[in-house]
Amino acid sequence: MPQERWASFLVTPETILRWHRVLVRRHWSYPHRSPGRPQLPEETIELIVCLARENPRWGYLRIVGELKKLGVTVSKGRVANVLGRQ
């Protein structure tokens, strides 16, 4: 666009470029999240450990089944990890 027609604009080219830079910066900024799955609630971990301590012959699959009966949904891998740390 010829420079003599720039006066018809309400904003300067620098303003348009600044708006564009802000738009691109806002579009490509990602929320900062911690990597991995969220941790189990502390009550659930305590319940898993308590069930394993009170019933030493139960495996992780049995503990998953008992937790499901109580309304707590936990995967067998998470229960195995909790028991492996104890």
Protein backbone atom coordinates (compact mmCIF):
# COMPACT_ATOMS: atom_id res chain seq x y z
CA MET A 1 0.00 0.00 0.00
CA PRO A 2 1.41 3.40 -0.88
CA GLN A 3 2.67 5.48 2.02
CA GLU A 4 0.36 8.44 1.27
CA ARG A 5 -2.67 6.24 2.04
CA TRP A 6 -1.32 5.27 5.49
CA ALA A 7 -3.04 8.30 6.99
CA SER A 8 -6.42 6.64 6.39
CA PHE A 9 -5.55 3.98 8.97
CA LEU A 10 -6.33 4.63 12.61
CA VAL A 11 -3.24 2.72 13.78
CA THR A 12 0.37 2.68 12.67
CA PRO A 13 2.08 -0.30 11.08
CA GLU A 14 4.18 -0.70 14.23
CA THR A 15 0.99 -1.14 16.25
CA ILE A 16 -0.27 -3.84 13.89
CA LEU A 17 3.08 -5.65 14.10
CA ARG A 18 3.04 -5.40 17.91
CA TRP A 19 -0.49 -6.83 18.00
CA HIS A 20 0.62 -9.68 15.79
CA ARG A 21 3.66 -10.43 17.99
CA VAL A 22 1.44 -10.50 21.09
CA LEU A 23 -1.07 -12.75 19.34
CA VAL A 24 1.63 -15.21 18.26
CA ARG A 25 3.26 -15.17 21.71
CA ARG A 26 -0.07 -15.88 23.40
CA HIS A 27 -0.97 -18.63 20.91
CA TRP A 28 2.28 -20.56 21.31
CA SER A 29 2.58 -20.34 25.07
CA TYR A 30 1.63 -23.60 26.73
CA PRO A 31 0.37 -23.98 30.28
CA HIS A 32 3.05 -25.22 32.64
CA ARG A 33 2.08 -28.66 33.89
CA SER A 34 4.13 -31.17 35.75
CA PRO A 35 4.91 -34.25 33.65
CA GLY A 36 3.35 -37.63 34.32
CA ARG A 37 0.17 -38.83 35.92
CA PRO A 38 -1.31 -37.14 38.95
CA GLN A 39 -0.45 -38.78 42.24
CA LEU A 40 -2.87 -40.99 44.12
CA PRO A 41 -4.56 -39.35 47.08
CA GLU A 42 -2.76 -40.04 50.35
CA GLU A 43 -5.86 -41.77 51.76
CA THR A 44 -5.86 -44.25 48.88
CA ILE A 45 -2.18 -45.05 49.38
CA GLU A 46 -2.76 -45.58 53.10
CA LEU A 47 -5.71 -47.86 52.33
CA ILE A 48 -3.64 -49.95 49.91
CA VAL A 49 -0.84 -50.32 52.43
CA CYS A 50 -3.30 -51.15 55.22
CA LEU A 51 -5.01 -53.85 53.13
CA ALA A 52 -1.66 -55.35 52.18
CA ARG A 53 -0.41 -55.32 55.78
CA GLU A 54 -3.58 -56.86 57.23
CA ASN A 55 -3.84 -59.48 54.47
CA PRO A 56 -0.30 -60.56 53.56
CA ARG A 57 -1.45 -63.34 51.22
CA TRP A 58 -3.40 -60.96 48.98
CA GLY A 59 -1.80 -59.89 45.74
CA TYR A 60 -2.30 -56.61 43.96
CA LEU A 61 -5.21 -57.96 41.89
CA ARG A 62 -7.15 -58.92 45.02
CA ILE A 63 -6.46 -55.50 46.53
CA VAL A 64 -7.73 -53.83 43.33
CA GLY A 65 -10.92 -55.90 43.60
CA GLU A 66 -11.45 -55.00 47.23
CA LEU A 67 -10.87 -51.32 46.50
CA LYS A 68 -13.38 -51.48 43.66
CA LYS A 69 -15.97 -52.87 46.10
CA LEU A 70 -15.30 -49.82 48.29
CA GLY A 71 -15.82 -47.49 45.32
CA VAL A 72 -12.15 -46.64 44.78
CA THR A 73 -10.95 -47.14 41.21
CA VAL A 74 -7.23 -47.82 40.97
CA SER A 75 -5.33 -49.69 38.29
CA LYS A 76 -3.38 -52.83 39.11
CA GLY A 77 -0.16 -51.16 38.04
CA ARG A 78 -0.63 -48.29 40.47
CA VAL A 79 -1.33 -50.75 43.32
CA ALA A 80 1.76 -52.79 42.35
CA ASN A 81 3.88 -49.61 42.36
CA VAL A 82 2.60 -48.59 45.81
CA LEU A 83 3.28 -52.07 47.17
CA GLY A 84 6.72 -52.13 45.55
CA ARG A 85 7.68 -48.91 47.34
CA GLN A 86 6.72 -50.35 50.75
